[in-house]
Structure formats: structure tokens, C-alpha cells
Amino acid sequence: MPANNDSQRLAGKIAVVTGAASGIGRATAELFAREGASVCCVDVNAEAGERVVQGIRESGGRAIFAKADVSQADDCRNAVEQAKRDFGGLHILFNNAGIIRRASAIDLTEADWDRLMDVNVKSIFLLSKFAIPLIIDSGGGCIVNTASGWGLAGGPQAVGYCASKGAVVLMTKALAIDHAGQNIRVNCICPGDTDTNMLRNEAEQLGESRENFHRAAAQRPLGRVGKPEEIAKAVLYLASDASSFVTGTAIVVDGGGLAGCI
């Protein structure tokens, strides 16, 4: 991760990435670092998160780890304050932490509903609440949220997940309206099925073999599931000056899965 690469699109920027210990979060934290950003990697899994940070540092990048349960206000406040304390400010917030529970309204428990809303929705409110003043102090920047294709179109046995991701899409638009005047852009990505631990966990929840579930998930125009690194490139676009006139939008990155739906 050479620090003197003139093509680095996030040179001098400071970013917080949640859910950074694996999957899309890890791929994005690593890409941000390669593009010149100083990255605060946030996750509840300290061991895996520290490994990501170590890998970034060994490649020449700048990174720190902040352990946080993103559904807890104090943890969210501490994470963004740690980024400012260690790196001197904040320009980019990637709200990526999320969970899925596959069940209908009849079968989904109230506890699972509450946990979905806490991790997938409340966390974005909390982290944005604490990060926005720091981004303003740094001269502006951007927020990128992870929604889902199922935040735009419904899916089977996923009533709580769909509700939570639909909320992320509209929260993104509301934040974009509120904070455009403070030089803050807010957008979200809507990934389709991506080769992550979450996808494999879905198969387990539904009692299906991973192989069959993966094969079914690949039934989309491009004929495969996505890679975390591919989703990370879309996040980089929204976090960089390449999207300087883009705010309040939801970018679908799903290999054409929703092409015939919306």
C-alpha cells in the first residue's frame, strides 16, 4: 500500500468501517487503505478485526481496530472518537455491519425482530449521529450505508430483514437531505447475494446445504454470486470524488438479480 501513489483516490482521508472483520466490510477496509485512507476497523469480533488491521499495516497501510457492538450508543460514540483521536478527524463512514434472520412473520421471534432492527437500522442512526459532527469539523465527507436488494424488493422468509433494509434505503435519503448543506453526501449500496459468511449462514437457517443454496443464489443474469471485493469497489466509488454529485441514492450491485423486478 504505497503512501506516495498519486492515483490513490482516498489519500489523506480518514474512514470508519463497521463490520470490518469479514466479508464486504473487510474487503472495503482493505481497499480503502490501498487507496490511501486511514481506516478505523469496527467489529464485535476483536480477534478477526485485529487480523484485518495487522494485514493492512503489513501491506503499508494505516489502520486501527475498535471493538464495538454497533447497537450500543456508547460503543458507537467511542468508535468514531477513537478514529478522531488516533488519526485526527473523520471524512468517511461506511455503515456496513448487519445480520440476517430468515423467517416469516409467523416464525420470526420478537427478539430476532428487535435484534435485526438494532444491528441493521439503529446502528446507522447511532453512528451517523456521532460521526456527522466530526465529519463537519473535518470539512465534509460522506456516509455510505449497506442496504440490500431486498430493501427495494421483497424476498421470501425474510420479513424482518426486508423491513430493516428498506428502512436503510429511506434513512439514507433523509440523511442526504438533512446534511447536504454541511458538505456531506449520503448514499447506500444494495448488494445481491455475495460470497460471505452471511450467505452461508442463510443456508444453515433455512436448513439447506450450502452447495444447493449457493447454486440457487447464482441464478441471476450474470450467473454467479458477487465477490466482497466487487461490492467494495462500489463503496469506493461512493466514498471518493468520482461520485461528487451523487447523494441520496441507492446503487444496486447484484449481477442483475433485480433487473426484472424494479
Protein backbone atom coordinates (compact mmCIF):
# COMPACT_ATOMS: atom_id res chain seq x y z
CA MET A 1 0.00 0.00 0.00
CA PRO A 2 2.44 2.72 -1.12
CA ALA A 3 1.77 6.05 0.52
CA ASN A 4 3.14 8.04 -2.43
CA ASN A 5 0.81 6.67 -5.12
CA ASP A 6 -0.65 9.72 -6.88
CA SER A 7 -3.60 7.67 -8.11
CA GLN A 8 -4.85 6.93 -4.59
CA ARG A 9 -8.46 8.08 -4.53
CA LEU A 10 -8.75 8.44 -0.74
CA ALA A 11 -5.35 9.93 0.03
CA GLY A 12 -5.47 11.89 3.27
CA LYS A 13 -8.96 10.68 4.18
CA ILE A 14 -9.98 9.07 7.47
CA ALA A 15 -12.64 6.36 7.40
CA VAL A 16 -14.65 4.28 9.84
CA VAL A 17 -15.80 0.90 8.52
CA THR A 18 -18.19 -1.24 10.56
CA GLY A 19 -18.46 -4.99 10.17
CA ALA A 20 -14.82 -4.80 9.11
CA ALA A 21 -13.72 -8.22 10.37
CA SER A 22 -15.10 -10.16 7.42
CA GLY A 23 -16.92 -10.10 4.11
CA ILE A 24 -17.80 -6.80 2.48
CA GLY A 25 -16.53 -4.81 5.45
CA ARG A 26 -13.12 -6.43 5.36
CA ALA A 27 -12.80 -6.06 1.59
CA THR A 28 -13.77 -2.39 1.83
CA ALA A 29 -11.41 -1.62 4.71
CA GLU A 30 -8.54 -3.17 2.77
CA LEU A 31 -9.47 -1.32 -0.43
CA PHE A 32 -9.83 2.00 1.39
CA ALA A 33 -6.36 1.51 2.86
CA ARG A 34 -4.86 0.70 -0.55
CA GLU A 35 -6.46 3.90 -1.82
CA GLY A 36 -4.70 5.96 0.84
CA ALA A 37 -7.25 6.23 3.65
CA SER A 38 -6.51 5.76 7.34
CA VAL A 39 -9.09 3.19 8.43
CA CYS A 40 -10.72 2.53 11.78
CA CYS A 41 -11.97 -1.05 11.54
CA VAL A 42 -15.01 -1.61 13.77
CA ASP A 43 -16.40 -5.01 14.69
CA VAL A 44 -17.65 -7.01 17.65
CA ASN A 45 -15.16 -9.79 16.77
CA ALA A 46 -11.90 -8.45 18.16
CA GLU A 47 -9.69 -11.36 17.11
CA ALA A 48 -10.77 -11.26 13.46
CA GLY A 49 -10.79 -7.46 13.41
CA GLU A 50 -7.25 -7.25 14.71
CA ARG A 51 -6.13 -9.66 11.97
CA VAL A 52 -7.57 -7.33 9.34
CA VAL A 53 -5.74 -4.38 10.88
CA GLN A 54 -2.49 -6.34 11.04
CA GLY A 55 -2.81 -7.28 7.38
CA ILE A 56 -3.39 -3.67 6.35
CA ARG A 57 -0.38 -2.50 8.34
CA GLU A 58 1.86 -5.22 6.96
CA SER A 59 0.91 -4.03 3.47
CA GLY A 60 1.92 -0.48 4.32
CA GLY A 61 -1.46 0.98 5.20
CA ARG A 62 -2.74 2.77 8.27
CA ALA A 63 -5.41 1.10 10.38
CA ILE A 64 -6.65 0.71 13.92
CA PHE A 65 -9.27 -1.56 15.48
CA ALA A 66 -12.22 -0.51 17.64
CA LYS A 67 -14.31 -3.22 19.26
CA ALA A 68 -17.97 -2.25 19.27
CA ASP A 69 -21.48 -3.63 19.44
CA VAL A 70 -22.98 -1.19 16.93
CA SER A 71 -26.40 -1.42 18.57
CA GLN A 72 -24.99 0.30 21.67
CA ALA A 73 -24.69 4.09 21.76
CA ASP A 74 -21.56 4.23 23.91
CA ASP A 75 -19.74 1.76 21.66
CA CYS A 76 -20.66 3.76 18.56
CA ARG A 77 -19.54 7.04 20.11
CA ASN A 78 -16.27 5.52 21.28
CA ALA A 79 -15.50 4.06 17.85
CA VAL A 80 -15.80 7.33 15.94
CA GLU A 81 -13.99 9.23 18.70
CA GLN A 82 -11.15 6.71 18.52
CA ALA A 83 -10.80 7.44 14.79
CA LYS A 84 -10.55 11.15 15.51
CA ARG A 85 -8.18 10.65 18.44
CA ASP A 86 -5.78 8.37 16.54
CA PHE A 87 -5.99 9.88 13.06
CA GLY A 88 -7.10 13.48 13.68
CA GLY A 89 -10.58 13.62 12.17
CA LEU A 90 -13.18 11.78 10.11
CA HIS A 91 -14.26 12.03 6.47
CA ILE A 92 -15.93 8.73 5.61
CA LEU A 93 -18.37 6.49 7.50
CA PHE A 94 -19.25 3.11 6.00
CA ASN A 95 -22.18 1.67 7.94
CA ASN A 96 -21.84 -1.94 6.88
CA ALA A 97 -22.46 -4.11 9.97
CA GLY A 98 -25.55 -6.24 9.56
CA ILE A 99 -27.24 -9.55 10.29
CA ILE A 100 -29.94 -11.65 8.66
CA ARG A 101 -32.70 -13.84 10.05
CA ARG A 102 -34.68 -15.90 7.55
CA ALA A 103 -38.25 -16.41 8.74
CA SER A 104 -41.83 -15.41 8.00
CA ALA A 105 -43.79 -13.11 10.33
CA ILE A 106 -45.30 -16.19 11.97
CA ASP A 107 -41.97 -17.81 12.72
CA LEU A 108 -39.76 -14.81 13.43
CA THR A 109 -39.39 -14.20 17.16
CA GLU A 110 -39.82 -10.78 18.70
CA ALA A 111 -36.24 -10.98 19.97
CA ASP A 112 -34.94 -11.63 16.45
CA TRP A 113 -37.02 -8.74 15.08
CA ASP A 114 -35.58 -6.41 17.70
CA ARG A 115 -32.03 -7.60 17.04
CA LEU A 116 -32.42 -7.09 13.29
CA MET A 117 -33.61 -3.54 13.82
CA ASP A 118 -30.90 -2.81 16.38
CA VAL A 119 -28.00 -4.02 14.23
CA ASN A 120 -29.26 -3.12 10.76
CA VAL A 121 -31.08 0.16 11.43
CA LYS A 122 -30.40 1.62 14.86
CA SER A 123 -26.65 1.28 14.33
CA ILE A 124 -26.80 3.56 11.29
CA PHE A 125 -28.70 6.17 13.27
CA LEU A 126 -26.25 6.00 16.17
CA LEU A 127 -23.04 6.00 14.16
CA SER A 128 -24.30 8.80 11.91
CA LYS A 129 -25.37 10.81 14.94
CA PHE A 130 -21.88 10.68 16.42
CA ALA A 131 -19.91 10.78 13.17
CA ILE A 132 -21.61 13.71 11.43
CA PRO A 133 -20.25 16.41 13.79
CA LEU A 134 -16.73 15.02 13.27
CA ILE A 135 -17.18 14.95 9.50
CA ILE A 136 -18.38 18.55 9.59
CA ASP A 137 -15.32 19.54 11.64
CA SER A 138 -13.12 17.84 9.02
CA GLY A 139 -14.63 19.94 6.23
CA GLY A 140 -17.21 17.48 4.97
CA GLY A 141 -17.23 13.98 3.57
CA CYS A 142 -19.63 11.13 3.04
CA ILE A 143 -21.62 8.31 4.57
CA VAL A 144 -22.25 5.03 2.77
CA ASN A 145 -24.78 2.56 4.17
CA THR A 146 -25.22 -1.10 3.31
CA ALA A 147 -28.82 -1.82 2.42
CA SER A 148 -29.77 -4.77 0.19
CA GLY A 149 -31.60 -5.71 -2.96
CA TRP A 150 -34.24 -6.85 -0.51
CA GLY A 151 -34.52 -3.29 0.70
CA LEU A 152 -36.02 -2.47 -2.70
CA ALA A 153 -37.91 -5.67 -3.48
CA GLY A 154 -39.32 -8.24 -1.10
CA GLY A 155 -37.93 -11.70 -0.57
CA PRO A 156 -39.27 -14.95 0.88
CA GLN A 157 -38.99 -15.81 4.57
CA ALA A 158 -37.19 -12.56 5.34
CA VAL A 159 -39.83 -10.19 6.65
CA GLY A 160 -37.64 -8.63 9.34
CA TYR A 161 -34.56 -8.40 7.14
CA CYS A 162 -36.50 -6.81 4.27
CA ALA A 163 -38.10 -4.32 6.66
CA SER A 164 -34.74 -3.37 8.12
CA LYS A 165 -33.05 -2.89 4.75
CA GLY A 166 -35.98 -0.91 3.38
CA ALA A 167 -35.53 1.37 6.37
CA VAL A 168 -31.86 1.79 5.49
CA VAL A 169 -32.75 2.98 1.97
CA LEU A 170 -35.12 5.67 3.22
CA MET A 171 -32.90 6.67 6.13
CA THR A 172 -30.16 7.23 3.56
CA LYS A 173 -32.36 9.61 1.60
CA ALA A 174 -33.41 11.52 4.74
CA LEU A 175 -29.81 11.91 5.92
CA ALA A 176 -28.78 13.11 2.46
CA ILE A 177 -31.44 15.83 2.56
CA ASP A 178 -30.58 16.94 6.08
CA HIS A 179 -26.81 17.18 5.66
CA ALA A 180 -26.14 18.21 2.07
CA GLY A 181 -25.73 21.79 3.25
CA GLN A 182 -22.89 20.64 5.51
CA ASN A 183 -20.96 19.15 2.57
CA ILE A 184 -21.89 15.58 3.47
CA ARG A 185 -23.10 13.15 0.84
CA VAL A 186 -25.09 10.08 1.95
CA ASN A 187 -25.73 7.05 -0.27
CA CYS A 188 -26.30 3.34 0.10
CA ILE A 189 -25.39 0.19 -1.75
CA CYS A 190 -27.86 -2.62 -2.33
CA PRO A 191 -25.83 -5.81 -2.81
CA GLY A 192 -27.27 -9.04 -4.07
CA ASP A 193 -26.14 -12.42 -2.79
CA THR A 194 -22.42 -12.18 -2.08
CA ASP A 195 -19.94 -14.91 -1.17
CA THR A 196 -19.67 -14.16 2.54
CA ASN A 197 -20.23 -15.92 5.85
CA MET A 198 -23.68 -14.32 5.96
CA LEU A 199 -24.71 -16.11 2.77
CA ARG A 200 -23.52 -19.40 4.18
CA ASN A 201 -25.36 -18.69 7.43
CA GLU A 202 -28.58 -18.17 5.48
CA ALA A 203 -28.34 -21.72 4.15
CA GLU A 204 -28.00 -23.04 7.70
CA GLN A 205 -31.01 -21.03 8.89
CA LEU A 206 -33.14 -22.46 6.10
CA GLY A 207 -31.86 -26.00 6.61
CA GLU A 208 -30.39 -26.19 3.11
CA SER A 209 -27.00 -27.42 2.01
CA ARG A 210 -24.52 -24.66 1.30
CA GLU A 211 -23.90 -26.03 -2.20
CA ASN A 212 -27.57 -26.01 -3.21
CA PHE A 213 -28.18 -22.61 -1.65
CA HIS A 214 -25.15 -21.12 -3.38
CA ARG A 215 -26.27 -22.62 -6.70
CA ALA A 216 -29.75 -21.12 -6.32
CA ALA A 217 -28.33 -17.73 -5.34
CA ALA A 218 -26.32 -17.69 -8.58
CA GLN A 219 -29.49 -17.77 -10.69
CA ARG A 220 -29.26 -14.20 -11.98
CA PRO A 221 -28.31 -12.69 -15.36
CA LEU A 222 -24.55 -12.76 -14.67
CA GLY A 223 -24.86 -16.37 -13.49
CA ARG A 224 -22.99 -16.13 -10.20
CA VAL A 225 -22.99 -14.56 -6.76
CA GLY A 226 -20.90 -11.48 -6.09
CA LYS A 227 -17.48 -11.22 -4.53
CA PRO A 228 -16.90 -8.96 -1.50
CA GLU A 229 -14.20 -7.15 -3.47
CA GLU A 230 -16.74 -6.27 -6.17
CA ILE A 231 -19.11 -4.71 -3.67
CA ALA A 232 -16.18 -2.83 -2.11
CA LYS A 233 -15.46 -1.16 -5.45
CA ALA A 234 -18.98 0.29 -5.47
CA VAL A 235 -18.44 1.60 -1.94
CA LEU A 236 -15.16 3.19 -3.04
CA TYR A 237 -16.97 4.98 -5.85
CA LEU A 238 -19.47 6.46 -3.41
CA ALA A 239 -16.73 7.38 -0.93
CA SER A 240 -14.49 9.08 -3.49
CA ASP A 241 -14.68 12.29 -5.50
CA ALA A 242 -15.77 10.21 -8.51
CA SER A 243 -19.31 10.48 -7.07
CA SER A 244 -19.09 14.15 -6.09
CA PHE A 245 -22.59 14.92 -7.47
CA VAL A 246 -24.23 11.75 -6.11
CA THR A 247 -26.24 11.82 -2.90
CA GLY A 248 -29.45 10.27 -1.60
CA THR A 249 -29.29 7.32 -3.95
CA ALA A 250 -29.27 3.53 -3.70
CA ILE A 251 -26.87 1.72 -6.03
CA VAL A 252 -27.81 -1.88 -6.83
CA VAL A 253 -24.81 -4.21 -7.13
CA ASP A 254 -26.35 -7.61 -7.71
CA GLY A 255 -25.35 -9.12 -11.05
CA GLY A 256 -28.72 -8.22 -12.49
CA GLY A 257 -30.79 -10.02 -9.87
CA LEU A 258 -33.36 -7.24 -9.61
CA ALA A 259 -33.23 -6.28 -13.30
CA GLY A 260 -36.66 -7.74 -13.96
CA CYS A 261 -38.21 -6.76 -10.63
CA ILE A 262 -37.98 -2.96 -10.22
